[in-house]
Amino acid sequence: PIITELLTKEALLGVLPNPVRSVTHIGVALAEEQQVSLRVTDLNGRLLHQATPQLAEGENWLRLDAQDWPSGVYLFTINTASGPLTGKLLKQ
């Protein structure tokens, strides 16, 4: 999908596919170019993945390789200039 309206703040676009078998993508729309931080944890708070990519204004999709993760529910947080965006994904 293409973001056609003017963004005034950041928004989570979704997780595709979810549930994930090996690789998934987390979508985020940004009002301006910025560096974000992505953290993925299990339900016990154990960190499985973290990254600090520089993302462009508009629609961005972050590739996440979950191939080696055990099956279960995972929580993610993307910290942006406007605050955190949070969600969960299911690994099959």
N, C-alpha and C. Protein backbone atom coordinates (compact mmCIF):
# COMPACT_ATOMS: atom_id res chain seq x y z
N PRO A 1 0.83 -1.21 0.00
CA PRO A 1 0.00 0.00 0.00
C PRO A 1 0.86 1.26 0.00
N ILE A 2 0.35 2.29 -0.56
CA ILE A 2 1.05 3.56 -0.63
C ILE A 2 0.34 4.57 0.26
N ILE A 3 1.11 5.28 1.08
CA ILE A 3 0.55 6.31 1.94
C ILE A 3 0.36 7.56 1.09
N THR A 4 -0.88 7.99 0.95
CA THR A 4 -1.15 9.14 0.09
C THR A 4 -1.51 10.40 0.88
N GLU A 5 -1.88 10.25 2.15
CA GLU A 5 -2.21 11.43 2.93
C GLU A 5 -0.97 11.93 3.66
N LEU A 6 -0.97 13.18 4.06
CA LEU A 6 0.16 13.75 4.77
C LEU A 6 0.24 13.17 6.17
N LEU A 7 1.38 12.64 6.52
CA LEU A 7 1.56 12.07 7.85
C LEU A 7 1.92 13.17 8.84
N THR A 8 1.26 13.16 9.98
CA THR A 8 1.60 14.12 11.02
C THR A 8 2.29 13.44 12.19
N LYS A 9 2.23 12.10 12.25
CA LYS A 9 2.93 11.35 13.28
C LYS A 9 3.21 9.96 12.75
N GLU A 10 3.92 9.17 13.51
CA GLU A 10 4.27 7.83 13.09
C GLU A 10 3.09 6.88 13.29
N ALA A 11 3.06 5.81 12.48
CA ALA A 11 1.98 4.83 12.58
C ALA A 11 2.52 3.44 12.25
N LEU A 12 2.01 2.45 12.94
CA LEU A 12 2.34 1.07 12.66
C LEU A 12 1.43 0.58 11.54
N LEU A 13 2.02 0.01 10.48
CA LEU A 13 1.24 -0.44 9.32
C LEU A 13 0.87 -1.91 9.40
N GLY A 14 1.57 -2.67 10.23
CA GLY A 14 1.24 -4.08 10.37
C GLY A 14 2.44 -4.98 10.32
N VAL A 15 2.16 -6.28 10.43
CA VAL A 15 3.19 -7.32 10.38
C VAL A 15 2.75 -8.31 9.32
N LEU A 16 3.57 -8.50 8.29
CA LEU A 16 3.21 -9.39 7.18
C LEU A 16 4.33 -10.36 6.87
N PRO A 17 4.14 -11.65 6.87
CA PRO A 17 2.93 -12.32 7.35
C PRO A 17 2.96 -12.45 8.88
N ASN A 18 1.81 -12.65 9.46
CA ASN A 18 1.67 -12.89 10.89
C ASN A 18 0.50 -13.85 11.06
N PRO A 19 0.70 -15.10 11.42
CA PRO A 19 1.91 -15.68 12.00
C PRO A 19 3.04 -15.85 10.98
N VAL A 20 4.25 -15.91 11.51
CA VAL A 20 5.46 -16.00 10.70
C VAL A 20 6.08 -17.40 10.84
N ARG A 21 6.60 -17.91 9.73
CA ARG A 21 7.32 -19.19 9.77
C ARG A 21 8.83 -18.94 9.75
N SER A 22 9.30 -18.02 8.90
CA SER A 22 10.74 -17.76 8.84
C SER A 22 11.05 -16.26 8.79
N VAL A 23 10.50 -15.56 7.80
CA VAL A 23 10.78 -14.13 7.65
C VAL A 23 9.47 -13.36 7.63
N THR A 24 9.45 -12.22 8.31
CA THR A 24 8.29 -11.35 8.31
C THR A 24 8.76 -9.91 8.11
N HIS A 25 7.82 -9.01 7.89
CA HIS A 25 8.13 -7.59 7.72
C HIS A 25 7.20 -6.77 8.61
N ILE A 26 7.78 -5.83 9.33
CA ILE A 26 7.01 -4.91 10.17
C ILE A 26 6.97 -3.57 9.46
N GLY A 27 5.76 -3.09 9.21
CA GLY A 27 5.58 -1.83 8.49
C GLY A 27 5.39 -0.66 9.43
N VAL A 28 6.06 0.44 9.13
CA VAL A 28 5.93 1.66 9.91
C VAL A 28 5.92 2.85 8.95
N ALA A 29 5.03 3.79 9.21
CA ALA A 29 4.98 5.03 8.43
C ALA A 29 5.52 6.15 9.30
N LEU A 30 6.42 6.94 8.73
CA LEU A 30 7.07 8.02 9.48
C LEU A 30 6.77 9.37 8.87
N ALA A 31 6.59 10.37 9.73
CA ALA A 31 6.33 11.73 9.27
C ALA A 31 7.60 12.39 8.73
N GLU A 32 8.76 11.88 9.14
CA GLU A 32 10.03 12.44 8.68
C GLU A 32 11.11 11.36 8.75
N GLU A 33 12.19 11.55 7.99
CA GLU A 33 13.32 10.63 8.06
C GLU A 33 13.89 10.65 9.47
N GLN A 34 14.22 9.46 9.98
CA GLN A 34 14.76 9.38 11.33
C GLN A 34 15.34 8.00 11.60
N GLN A 35 16.18 7.94 12.62
CA GLN A 35 16.68 6.66 13.09
C GLN A 35 15.70 6.17 14.15
N VAL A 36 15.31 4.91 14.03
CA VAL A 36 14.41 4.30 15.01
C VAL A 36 15.15 3.15 15.69
N SER A 37 14.59 2.67 16.78
CA SER A 37 15.15 1.47 17.40
C SER A 37 14.05 0.42 17.46
N LEU A 38 14.39 -0.77 17.02
CA LEU A 38 13.48 -1.92 17.02
C LEU A 38 13.99 -2.94 18.02
N ARG A 39 13.11 -3.37 18.91
CA ARG A 39 13.43 -4.42 19.89
C ARG A 39 12.34 -5.47 19.84
N VAL A 40 12.76 -6.74 19.79
CA VAL A 40 11.81 -7.86 19.83
C VAL A 40 12.17 -8.72 21.04
N THR A 41 11.18 -8.99 21.89
CA THR A 41 11.39 -9.82 23.07
C THR A 41 10.35 -10.94 23.12
N ASP A 42 10.69 -11.97 23.89
CA ASP A 42 9.68 -12.99 24.15
C ASP A 42 8.82 -12.50 25.33
N LEU A 43 7.83 -13.30 25.74
CA LEU A 43 6.93 -12.87 26.80
C LEU A 43 7.59 -12.78 28.17
N ASN A 44 8.79 -13.34 28.29
CA ASN A 44 9.56 -13.24 29.53
C ASN A 44 10.51 -12.05 29.52
N GLY A 45 10.50 -11.27 28.44
CA GLY A 45 11.36 -10.10 28.35
C GLY A 45 12.74 -10.37 27.78
N ARG A 46 13.00 -11.60 27.35
CA ARG A 46 14.31 -11.94 26.77
C ARG A 46 14.44 -11.32 25.38
N LEU A 47 15.50 -10.57 25.15
CA LEU A 47 15.73 -9.89 23.88
C LEU A 47 16.15 -10.89 22.81
N LEU A 48 15.41 -10.92 21.69
CA LEU A 48 15.76 -11.80 20.57
C LEU A 48 16.37 -11.04 19.41
N HIS A 49 16.00 -9.77 19.27
CA HIS A 49 16.48 -8.99 18.12
C HIS A 49 16.45 -7.52 18.49
N GLN A 50 17.46 -6.80 18.05
CA GLN A 50 17.42 -5.34 18.15
C GLN A 50 18.19 -4.74 16.99
N ALA A 51 17.71 -3.59 16.54
CA ALA A 51 18.34 -2.89 15.43
C ALA A 51 18.01 -1.40 15.55
N THR A 52 18.85 -0.57 14.91
CA THR A 52 18.62 0.88 14.91
C THR A 52 18.74 1.41 13.49
N PRO A 53 17.79 1.05 12.62
CA PRO A 53 17.89 1.49 11.23
C PRO A 53 17.52 2.95 11.04
N GLN A 54 18.10 3.55 10.02
CA GLN A 54 17.73 4.90 9.56
C GLN A 54 16.64 4.70 8.51
N LEU A 55 15.45 5.26 8.76
CA LEU A 55 14.31 5.06 7.87
C LEU A 55 13.89 6.35 7.19
N ALA A 56 13.33 6.21 6.02
CA ALA A 56 12.89 7.35 5.23
C ALA A 56 11.52 7.84 5.69
N GLU A 57 11.19 9.06 5.31
CA GLU A 57 9.85 9.57 5.52
C GLU A 57 8.87 8.71 4.72
N GLY A 58 7.70 8.45 5.27
CA GLY A 58 6.69 7.65 4.57
C GLY A 58 6.71 6.20 5.01
N GLU A 59 6.38 5.31 4.08
CA GLU A 59 6.21 3.89 4.37
C GLU A 59 7.54 3.14 4.35
N ASN A 60 7.79 2.36 5.40
CA ASN A 60 9.00 1.55 5.52
C ASN A 60 8.60 0.16 6.01
N TRP A 61 9.29 -0.86 5.50
CA TRP A 61 9.05 -2.24 5.94
C TRP A 61 10.36 -2.83 6.42
N LEU A 62 10.40 -3.19 7.70
CA LEU A 62 11.60 -3.75 8.32
C LEU A 62 11.55 -5.27 8.22
N ARG A 63 12.58 -5.86 7.61
CA ARG A 63 12.67 -7.31 7.46
C ARG A 63 13.16 -7.92 8.76
N LEU A 64 12.47 -8.96 9.19
CA LEU A 64 12.81 -9.62 10.45
C LEU A 64 12.92 -11.12 10.21
N ASP A 65 14.11 -11.66 10.44
CA ASP A 65 14.35 -13.08 10.25
C ASP A 65 14.10 -13.80 11.57
N ALA A 66 13.03 -14.57 11.63
CA ALA A 66 12.66 -15.30 12.84
C ALA A 66 12.85 -16.80 12.68
N GLN A 67 13.60 -17.21 11.67
CA GLN A 67 13.79 -18.62 11.33
C GLN A 67 14.21 -19.47 12.53
N ASP A 68 15.14 -18.97 13.33
CA ASP A 68 15.70 -19.76 14.43
C ASP A 68 14.99 -19.57 15.77
N TRP A 69 13.91 -18.78 15.78
CA TRP A 69 13.20 -18.56 17.03
C TRP A 69 12.28 -19.73 17.33
N PRO A 70 12.10 -20.08 18.61
CA PRO A 70 11.12 -21.11 18.95
C PRO A 70 9.70 -20.60 18.67
N SER A 71 8.77 -21.52 18.49
CA SER A 71 7.37 -21.15 18.30
C SER A 71 6.88 -20.40 19.54
N GLY A 72 6.04 -19.39 19.31
CA GLY A 72 5.49 -18.64 20.44
C GLY A 72 5.09 -17.23 20.05
N VAL A 73 4.73 -16.47 21.07
CA VAL A 73 4.31 -15.08 20.89
C VAL A 73 5.48 -14.17 21.25
N TYR A 74 5.70 -13.14 20.43
CA TYR A 74 6.78 -12.19 20.64
C TYR A 74 6.23 -10.77 20.60
N LEU A 75 6.83 -9.90 21.39
CA LEU A 75 6.43 -8.50 21.45
C LEU A 75 7.51 -7.66 20.80
N PHE A 76 7.09 -6.62 20.06
CA PHE A 76 8.08 -5.72 19.49
C PHE A 76 7.74 -4.28 19.80
N THR A 77 8.79 -3.48 19.90
CA THR A 77 8.65 -2.04 20.11
C THR A 77 9.54 -1.33 19.11
N ILE A 78 8.97 -0.36 18.42
CA ILE A 78 9.73 0.52 17.54
C ILE A 78 9.68 1.90 18.18
N ASN A 79 10.82 2.37 18.66
CA ASN A 79 10.89 3.70 19.27
C ASN A 79 11.18 4.73 18.18
N THR A 80 10.26 5.69 18.05
CA THR A 80 10.37 6.75 17.04
C THR A 80 10.49 8.10 17.74
N ALA A 81 10.67 9.14 16.96
CA ALA A 81 10.77 10.49 17.51
C ALA A 81 9.50 10.88 18.25
N SER A 82 8.36 10.33 17.86
CA SER A 82 7.08 10.66 18.49
C SER A 82 6.71 9.73 19.64
N GLY A 83 7.50 8.69 19.85
CA GLY A 83 7.19 7.75 20.91
C GLY A 83 7.18 6.33 20.40
N PRO A 84 6.85 5.37 21.27
CA PRO A 84 6.92 3.96 20.88
C PRO A 84 5.70 3.48 20.11
N LEU A 85 5.94 2.55 19.18
CA LEU A 85 4.90 1.80 18.50
C LEU A 85 5.11 0.36 18.91
N THR A 86 4.06 -0.31 19.36
CA THR A 86 4.21 -1.67 19.87
C THR A 86 3.25 -2.62 19.18
N GLY A 87 3.63 -3.88 19.17
CA GLY A 87 2.79 -4.90 18.59
C GLY A 87 3.29 -6.27 18.98
N LYS A 88 2.60 -7.30 18.46
CA LYS A 88 3.05 -8.66 18.72
C LYS A 88 2.97 -9.48 17.45
N LEU A 89 3.77 -10.53 17.45
CA LEU A 89 3.75 -11.46 16.32
C LEU A 89 3.80 -12.87 16.85
N LEU A 90 3.29 -13.78 16.05
CA LEU A 90 3.23 -15.18 16.41
C LEU A 90 4.17 -15.96 15.50
N LYS A 91 5.09 -16.71 16.09
CA LYS A 91 6.01 -17.57 15.33
C LYS A 91 5.47 -18.98 15.38
N GLN A 92 5.28 -19.57 14.20
CA GLN A 92 4.78 -20.95 14.12
C GLN A 92 5.93 -21.92 14.05
